[in-house]
Amino acid sequence: PVTAQAGVPPPAGPAPPGPLAAGDPRLRWWARRGG
């Protein structure tokens, strides 16, 4: 993979948020439903 080649730095910046990021209001619903 390009990011693992010698001499090529990993992409800059934070990773893109997942489908349920920490500030997502649906996270509380999914946690409740999972519980």
All heavy atoms as atom14 arrays in JSON, in Angstrom:
{
  "sequence": "PVTAQAGVPPPAGPAPPGPLAAGDPRLRWWARRGG",
  "atom14_mask": [
    [1, 1, 1, 1, 1, 1, 1, 0, 0, 0, 0, 0, 0, 0],
    [1, 1, 1, 1, 1, 1, 1, 0, 0, 0, 0, 0, 0, 0],
    [1, 1, 1, 1, 1, 1, 1, 0, 0, 0, 0, 0, 0, 0],
    [1, 1, 1, 1, 1, 0, 0, 0, 0, 0, 0, 0, 0, 0],
    [1, 1, 1, 1, 1, 1, 1, 1, 1, 0, 0, 0, 0, 0],
    [1, 1, 1, 1, 1, 0, 0, 0, 0, 0, 0, 0, 0, 0],
    [1, 1, 1, 1, 0, 0, 0, 0, 0, 0, 0, 0, 0, 0],
    [1, 1, 1, 1, 1, 1, 1, 0, 0, 0, 0, 0, 0, 0],
    [1, 1, 1, 1, 1, 1, 1, 0, 0, 0, 0, 0, 0, 0],
    [1, 1, 1, 1, 1, 1, 1, 0, 0, 0, 0, 0, 0, 0],
    [1, 1, 1, 1, 1, 1, 1, 0, 0, 0, 0, 0, 0, 0],
    [1, 1, 1, 1, 1, 0, 0, 0, 0, 0, 0, 0, 0, 0],
    [1, 1, 1, 1, 0, 0, 0, 0, 0, 0, 0, 0, 0, 0],
    [1, 1, 1, 1, 1, 1, 1, 0, 0, 0, 0, 0, 0, 0],
    [1, 1, 1, 1, 1, 0, 0, 0, 0, 0, 0, 0, 0, 0],
    [1, 1, 1, 1, 1, 1, 1, 0, 0, 0, 0, 0, 0, 0],
    [1, 1, 1, 1, 1, 1, 1, 0, 0, 0, 0, 0, 0, 0],
    [1, 1, 1, 1, 0, 0, 0, 0, 0, 0, 0, 0, 0, 0],
    [1, 1, 1, 1, 1, 1, 1, 0, 0, 0, 0, 0, 0, 0],
    [1, 1, 1, 1, 1, 1, 1, 1, 0, 0, 0, 0, 0, 0],
    [1, 1, 1, 1, 1, 0, 0, 0, 0, 0, 0, 0, 0, 0],
    [1, 1, 1, 1, 1, 0, 0, 0, 0, 0, 0, 0, 0, 0],
    [1, 1, 1, 1, 0, 0, 0, 0, 0, 0, 0, 0, 0, 0],
    [1, 1, 1, 1, 1, 1, 1, 1, 0, 0, 0, 0, 0, 0],
    [1, 1, 1, 1, 1, 1, 1, 0, 0, 0, 0, 0, 0, 0],
    [1, 1, 1, 1, 1, 1, 1, 1, 1, 1, 1, 0, 0, 0],
    [1, 1, 1, 1, 1, 1, 1, 1, 0, 0, 0, 0, 0, 0],
    [1, 1, 1, 1, 1, 1, 1, 1, 1, 1, 1, 0, 0, 0],
    [1, 1, 1, 1, 1, 1, 1, 1, 1, 1, 1, 1, 1, 1],
    [1, 1, 1, 1, 1, 1, 1, 1, 1, 1, 1, 1, 1, 1],
    [1, 1, 1, 1, 1, 0, 0, 0, 0, 0, 0, 0, 0, 0],
    [1, 1, 1, 1, 1, 1, 1, 1, 1, 1, 1, 0, 0, 0],
    [1, 1, 1, 1, 1, 1, 1, 1, 1, 1, 1, 0, 0, 0],
    [1, 1, 1, 1, 0, 0, 0, 0, 0, 0, 0, 0, 0, 0],
    [1, 1, 1, 1, 0, 0, 0, 0, 0, 0, 0, 0, 0, 0]
  ],
  "atom14_positions": [
    [[0.83, -1.2, 0.0], [0.0, 0.0, 0.0], [0.86, 1.25, 0.0], [1.96, 1.27, 0.54], [-0.79, -0.1, 1.31], [-0.7, -1.53, 1.72], [0.55, -2.07, 1.12], [0.0, 0.0, 0.0], [0.0, 0.0, 0.0], [0.0, 0.0, 0.0], [0.0, 0.0, 0.0], [0.0, 0.0, 0.0], [0.0, 0.0, 0.0], [0.0, 0.0, 0.0]],
    [[0.34, 2.32, -0.6], [1.11, 3.55, -0.76], [1.53, 4.1, 0.59], [2.63, 4.59, 0.75], [0.28, 4.59, -1.54], [0.97, 5.93, -1.58], [0.02, 4.09, -2.94], [0.0, 0.0, 0.0], [0.0, 0.0, 0.0], [0.0, 0.0, 0.0], [0.0, 0.0, 0.0], [0.0, 0.0, 0.0], [0.0, 0.0, 0.0], [0.0, 0.0, 0.0]],
    [[0.68, 4.01, 1.6], [1.01, 4.59, 2.9], [2.08, 3.8, 3.62], [2.69, 4.31, 4.54], [-0.24, 4.66, 3.79], [-0.77, 3.35, 3.93], [-1.27, 5.59, 3.2], [0.0, 0.0, 0.0], [0.0, 0.0, 0.0], [0.0, 0.0, 0.0], [0.0, 0.0, 0.0], [0.0, 0.0, 0.0], [0.0, 0.0, 0.0], [0.0, 0.0, 0.0]],
    [[2.33, 2.56, 3.21], [3.32, 1.74, 3.91], [4.67, 1.73, 3.19], [5.59, 1.1, 3.66], [2.8, 0.32, 4.05], [0.0, 0.0, 0.0], [0.0, 0.0, 0.0], [0.0, 0.0, 0.0], [0.0, 0.0, 0.0], [0.0, 0.0, 0.0], [0.0, 0.0, 0.0], [0.0, 0.0, 0.0], [0.0, 0.0, 0.0], [0.0, 0.0, 0.0]],
    [[4.81, 2.38, 2.05], [6.06, 2.37, 1.33], [7.08, 3.25, 2.05], [6.73, 4.23, 2.71], [5.89, 2.89, -0.1], [5.14, 1.92, -0.98], [4.99, 2.46, -2.39], [5.25, 3.62, -2.64], [4.55, 1.6, -3.29], [0.0, 0.0, 0.0], [0.0, 0.0, 0.0], [0.0, 0.0, 0.0], [0.0, 0.0, 0.0], [0.0, 0.0, 0.0]],
    [[8.33, 2.87, 1.92], [9.4, 3.63, 2.55], [9.5, 5.01, 1.93], [9.43, 5.15, 0.71], [10.72, 2.88, 2.41], [0.0, 0.0, 0.0], [0.0, 0.0, 0.0], [0.0, 0.0, 0.0], [0.0, 0.0, 0.0], [0.0, 0.0, 0.0], [0.0, 0.0, 0.0], [0.0, 0.0, 0.0], [0.0, 0.0, 0.0], [0.0, 0.0, 0.0]],
    [[9.65, 6.02, 2.75], [9.83, 7.37, 2.27], [8.54, 8.12, 1.98], [8.56, 9.29, 1.66], [0.0, 0.0, 0.0], [0.0, 0.0, 0.0], [0.0, 0.0, 0.0], [0.0, 0.0, 0.0], [0.0, 0.0, 0.0], [0.0, 0.0, 0.0], [0.0, 0.0, 0.0], [0.0, 0.0, 0.0], [0.0, 0.0, 0.0], [0.0, 0.0, 0.0]],
    [[7.39, 7.47, 2.09], [6.11, 8.14, 1.84], [5.43, 8.33, 3.19], [5.1, 7.36, 3.86], [5.21, 7.3, 0.9], [3.85, 7.97, 0.72], [5.89, 7.09, -0.43], [0.0, 0.0, 0.0], [0.0, 0.0, 0.0], [0.0, 0.0, 0.0], [0.0, 0.0, 0.0], [0.0, 0.0, 0.0], [0.0, 0.0, 0.0], [0.0, 0.0, 0.0]],
    [[5.21, 9.58, 3.6], [4.58, 9.8, 4.9], [3.1, 9.45, 4.87], [2.48, 9.45, 3.8], [4.78, 11.3, 5.14], [4.88, 11.88, 3.78], [5.55, 10.83, 2.94], [0.0, 0.0, 0.0], [0.0, 0.0, 0.0], [0.0, 0.0, 0.0], [0.0, 0.0, 0.0], [0.0, 0.0, 0.0], [0.0, 0.0, 0.0], [0.0, 0.0, 0.0]],
    [[2.52, 9.14, 6.01], [1.07, 8.86, 6.03], [0.31, 10.14, 5.71], [0.83, 11.24, 5.83], [0.82, 8.41, 7.48], [1.96, 8.94, 8.27], [3.13, 9.02, 7.32], [0.0, 0.0, 0.0], [0.0, 0.0, 0.0], [0.0, 0.0, 0.0], [0.0, 0.0, 0.0], [0.0, 0.0, 0.0], [0.0, 0.0, 0.0], [0.0, 0.0, 0.0]],
    [[-0.94, 10.02, 5.3], [-1.72, 11.21, 4.96], [-1.84, 12.14, 6.17], [-1.98, 11.69, 7.3], [-3.08, 10.67, 4.54], [-3.08, 9.22, 4.8], [-1.7, 8.8, 5.15], [0.0, 0.0, 0.0], [0.0, 0.0, 0.0], [0.0, 0.0, 0.0], [0.0, 0.0, 0.0], [0.0, 0.0, 0.0], [0.0, 0.0, 0.0], [0.0, 0.0, 0.0]],
    [[-1.79, 13.44, 5.89], [-1.86, 14.43, 6.97], [-3.3, 14.67, 7.39], [-4.23, 14.43, 6.63], [-1.24, 15.74, 6.49], [0.0, 0.0, 0.0], [0.0, 0.0, 0.0], [0.0, 0.0, 0.0], [0.0, 0.0, 0.0], [0.0, 0.0, 0.0], [0.0, 0.0, 0.0], [0.0, 0.0, 0.0], [0.0, 0.0, 0.0], [0.0, 0.0, 0.0]],
    [[-3.47, 15.15, 8.6], [-4.79, 15.51, 9.1], [-5.43, 14.38, 9.87], [-4.98, 13.24, 9.85], [0.0, 0.0, 0.0], [0.0, 0.0, 0.0], [0.0, 0.0, 0.0], [0.0, 0.0, 0.0], [0.0, 0.0, 0.0], [0.0, 0.0, 0.0], [0.0, 0.0, 0.0], [0.0, 0.0, 0.0], [0.0, 0.0, 0.0], [0.0, 0.0, 0.0]],
    [[-6.52, 14.7, 10.56], [-7.2, 13.67, 11.35], [-7.95, 12.71, 10.44], [-8.27, 13.01, 9.3], [-8.18, 14.48, 12.2], [-8.42, 15.72, 11.41], [-7.12, 16.0, 10.69], [0.0, 0.0, 0.0], [0.0, 0.0, 0.0], [0.0, 0.0, 0.0], [0.0, 0.0, 0.0], [0.0, 0.0, 0.0], [0.0, 0.0, 0.0], [0.0, 0.0, 0.0]],
    [[-8.18, 11.53, 10.98], [-8.93, 10.52, 10.23], [-10.37, 11.0, 10.07], [-10.91, 11.69, 10.94], [-8.89, 9.2, 10.97], [0.0, 0.0, 0.0], [0.0, 0.0, 0.0], [0.0, 0.0, 0.0], [0.0, 0.0, 0.0], [0.0, 0.0, 0.0], [0.0, 0.0, 0.0], [0.0, 0.0, 0.0], [0.0, 0.0, 0.0], [0.0, 0.0, 0.0]],
    [[-11.0, 10.66, 8.96], [-12.39, 11.07, 8.79], [-13.26, 10.4, 9.84], [-12.98, 9.27, 10.25], [-12.74, 10.59, 7.38], [-11.73, 9.56, 7.06], [-10.51, 9.89, 7.84], [0.0, 0.0, 0.0], [0.0, 0.0, 0.0], [0.0, 0.0, 0.0], [0.0, 0.0, 0.0], [0.0, 0.0, 0.0], [0.0, 0.0, 0.0], [0.0, 0.0, 0.0]],
    [[-14.3, 11.09, 10.31], [-15.14, 10.49, 11.35], [-15.89, 9.29, 10.81], [-16.22, 9.21, 9.63], [-16.1, 11.62, 11.72], [-16.12, 12.51, 10.54], [-14.76, 12.39, 9.9], [0.0, 0.0, 0.0], [0.0, 0.0, 0.0], [0.0, 0.0, 0.0], [0.0, 0.0, 0.0], [0.0, 0.0, 0.0], [0.0, 0.0, 0.0], [0.0, 0.0, 0.0]],
    [[-16.14, 8.35, 11.69], [-16.89, 7.16, 11.33], [-18.36, 7.48, 11.18], [-18.79, 8.62, 11.31], [0.0, 0.0, 0.0], [0.0, 0.0, 0.0], [0.0, 0.0, 0.0], [0.0, 0.0, 0.0], [0.0, 0.0, 0.0], [0.0, 0.0, 0.0], [0.0, 0.0, 0.0], [0.0, 0.0, 0.0], [0.0, 0.0, 0.0], [0.0, 0.0, 0.0]],
    [[-19.17, 6.46, 10.91], [-20.59, 6.71, 10.73], [-21.27, 7.22, 12.01], [-22.25, 7.92, 11.94], [-21.15, 5.36, 10.31], [-20.11, 4.36, 10.67], [-18.81, 5.07, 10.71], [0.0, 0.0, 0.0], [0.0, 0.0, 0.0], [0.0, 0.0, 0.0], [0.0, 0.0, 0.0], [0.0, 0.0, 0.0], [0.0, 0.0, 0.0], [0.0, 0.0, 0.0]],
    [[-20.72, 6.87, 13.17], [-21.27, 7.37, 14.44], [-20.16, 8.04, 15.22], [-19.54, 7.45, 16.08], [-21.88, 6.23, 15.25], [-23.17, 5.64, 14.71], [-23.62, 4.46, 15.54], [-24.26, 6.67, 14.66], [0.0, 0.0, 0.0], [0.0, 0.0, 0.0], [0.0, 0.0, 0.0], [0.0, 0.0, 0.0], [0.0, 0.0, 0.0], [0.0, 0.0, 0.0]],
    [[-19.87, 9.28, 14.9], [-18.83, 10.04, 15.59], [-19.31, 10.4, 16.99], [-20.48, 10.27, 17.33], [-18.49, 11.29, 14.8], [0.0, 0.0, 0.0], [0.0, 0.0, 0.0], [0.0, 0.0, 0.0], [0.0, 0.0, 0.0], [0.0, 0.0, 0.0], [0.0, 0.0, 0.0], [0.0, 0.0, 0.0], [0.0, 0.0, 0.0], [0.0, 0.0, 0.0]],
    [[-18.4, 10.87, 17.83], [-18.7, 11.13, 19.23], [-19.82, 12.16, 19.4], [-20.6, 12.08, 20.33], [-17.45, 11.6, 19.95], [0.0, 0.0, 0.0], [0.0, 0.0, 0.0], [0.0, 0.0, 0.0], [0.0, 0.0, 0.0], [0.0, 0.0, 0.0], [0.0, 0.0, 0.0], [0.0, 0.0, 0.0], [0.0, 0.0, 0.0], [0.0, 0.0, 0.0]],
    [[-19.94, 13.13, 18.54], [-20.97, 14.16, 18.68], [-22.29, 13.82, 18.02], [-23.21, 14.62, 18.03], [0.0, 0.0, 0.0], [0.0, 0.0, 0.0], [0.0, 0.0, 0.0], [0.0, 0.0, 0.0], [0.0, 0.0, 0.0], [0.0, 0.0, 0.0], [0.0, 0.0, 0.0], [0.0, 0.0, 0.0], [0.0, 0.0, 0.0], [0.0, 0.0, 0.0]],
    [[-22.4, 12.65, 17.42], [-23.6, 12.27, 16.69], [-24.73, 11.96, 17.67], [-24.56, 11.15, 18.58], [-23.32, 11.04, 15.82], [-24.39, 10.77, 14.8], [-25.46, 11.4, 14.89], [-24.16, 9.94, 13.91], [0.0, 0.0, 0.0], [0.0, 0.0, 0.0], [0.0, 0.0, 0.0], [0.0, 0.0, 0.0], [0.0, 0.0, 0.0], [0.0, 0.0, 0.0]],
    [[-25.92, 12.58, 17.53], [-27.01, 12.3, 18.46], [-27.54, 10.87, 18.35], [-28.14, 10.36, 19.29], [-28.09, 13.31, 18.07], [-27.74, 13.76, 16.7], [-26.26, 13.6, 16.56], [0.0, 0.0, 0.0], [0.0, 0.0, 0.0], [0.0, 0.0, 0.0], [0.0, 0.0, 0.0], [0.0, 0.0, 0.0], [0.0, 0.0, 0.0], [0.0, 0.0, 0.0]],
    [[-27.29, 10.2, 17.23], [-27.76, 8.82, 17.09], [-26.96, 7.85, 17.95], [-27.42, 6.74, 18.22], [-27.66, 8.38, 15.63], [-28.56, 9.16, 14.71], [-28.36, 8.76, 13.28], [-26.97, 9.06, 12.89], [-26.41, 8.62, 11.78], [-27.09, 7.87, 10.96], [-25.17, 8.94, 11.49], [0.0, 0.0, 0.0], [0.0, 0.0, 0.0], [0.0, 0.0, 0.0]],
    [[-25.77, 8.25, 18.39], [-24.93, 7.38, 19.19], [-25.64, 6.98, 20.48], [-25.58, 5.82, 20.9], [-23.6, 8.07, 19.5], [-22.57, 7.25, 20.26], [-22.17, 6.03, 19.44], [-21.35, 8.09, 20.55], [0.0, 0.0, 0.0], [0.0, 0.0, 0.0], [0.0, 0.0, 0.0], [0.0, 0.0, 0.0], [0.0, 0.0, 0.0], [0.0, 0.0, 0.0]],
    [[-26.34, 7.92, 21.1], [-27.07, 7.62, 22.33], [-28.18, 6.59, 22.06], [-28.39, 5.67, 22.85], [-27.66, 8.92, 22.87], [-28.36, 8.77, 24.19], [-28.82, 10.12, 24.69], [-29.44, 10.87, 23.62], [-30.66, 11.37, 23.67], [-31.39, 11.23, 24.74], [-31.15, 12.04, 22.64], [0.0, 0.0, 0.0], [0.0, 0.0, 0.0], [0.0, 0.0, 0.0]],
    [[-28.89, 6.73, 20.94], [-29.95, 5.78, 20.61], [-29.39, 4.4, 20.37], [-29.95, 3.4, 20.83], [-30.71, 6.25, 19.38], [-31.49, 7.5, 19.55], [-31.68, 8.22, 20.71], [-32.19, 8.2, 18.54], [-32.45, 9.31, 20.47], [-32.78, 9.34, 19.15], [-32.37, 7.99, 17.2], [-33.54, 10.24, 18.44], [-33.13, 8.9, 16.5], [-33.71, 10.01, 17.11]],
    [[-28.29, 4.32, 19.63], [-27.7, 3.01, 19.35], [-27.15, 2.37, 20.62], [-27.24, 1.15, 20.8], [-26.61, 3.12, 18.29], [-27.18, 3.2, 16.92], [-27.25, 4.3, 16.12], [-27.8, 2.15, 16.18], [-27.87, 3.99, 14.93], [-28.22, 2.68, 14.94], [-28.05, 0.81, 16.44], [-28.86, 1.92, 13.97], [-28.69, 0.05, 15.46], [-29.09, 0.6, 14.26]],
    [[-26.58, 3.16, 21.53], [-26.09, 2.61, 22.8], [-27.25, 2.09, 23.63], [-27.16, 1.0, 24.23], [-25.31, 3.68, 23.56], [0.0, 0.0, 0.0], [0.0, 0.0, 0.0], [0.0, 0.0, 0.0], [0.0, 0.0, 0.0], [0.0, 0.0, 0.0], [0.0, 0.0, 0.0], [0.0, 0.0, 0.0], [0.0, 0.0, 0.0], [0.0, 0.0, 0.0]],
    [[-28.35, 2.82, 23.65], [-29.53, 2.38, 24.4], [-30.09, 1.1, 23.8], [-30.4, 0.14, 24.52], [-30.59, 3.49, 24.36], [-31.87, 3.14, 25.08], [-32.84, 4.33, 25.01], [-34.08, 4.04, 25.66], [-35.15, 3.56, 25.04], [-35.1, 3.36, 23.74], [-36.25, 3.32, 25.7], [0.0, 0.0, 0.0], [0.0, 0.0, 0.0], [0.0, 0.0, 0.0]],
    [[-30.21, 1.07, 22.48], [-30.74, -0.11, 21.81], [-29.84, -1.33, 22.02], [-30.31, -2.44, 22.26], [-30.88, 0.17, 20.31], [-31.57, -0.91, 19.54], [-31.92, -0.43, 18.15], [-32.89, 0.66, 18.26], [-32.96, 1.66, 17.41], [-32.15, 1.73, 16.39], [-33.87, 2.61, 17.56], [0.0, 0.0, 0.0], [0.0, 0.0, 0.0], [0.0, 0.0, 0.0]],
    [[-28.52, -1.13, 21.95], [-27.59, -2.22, 22.2], [-27.65, -2.72, 23.64], [-27.54, -3.92, 23.89], [0.0, 0.0, 0.0], [0.0, 0.0, 0.0], [0.0, 0.0, 0.0], [0.0, 0.0, 0.0], [0.0, 0.0, 0.0], [0.0, 0.0, 0.0], [0.0, 0.0, 0.0], [0.0, 0.0, 0.0], [0.0, 0.0, 0.0], [0.0, 0.0, 0.0]],
    [[-27.82, -1.79, 24.59], [-27.94, -2.19, 25.98], [-29.18, -3.01, 26.24], [-29.15, -4.02, 26.95], [0.0, 0.0, 0.0], [0.0, 0.0, 0.0], [0.0, 0.0, 0.0], [0.0, 0.0, 0.0], [0.0, 0.0, 0.0], [0.0, 0.0, 0.0], [0.0, 0.0, 0.0], [0.0, 0.0, 0.0], [0.0, 0.0, 0.0], [0.0, 0.0, 0.0]]
  ]
}
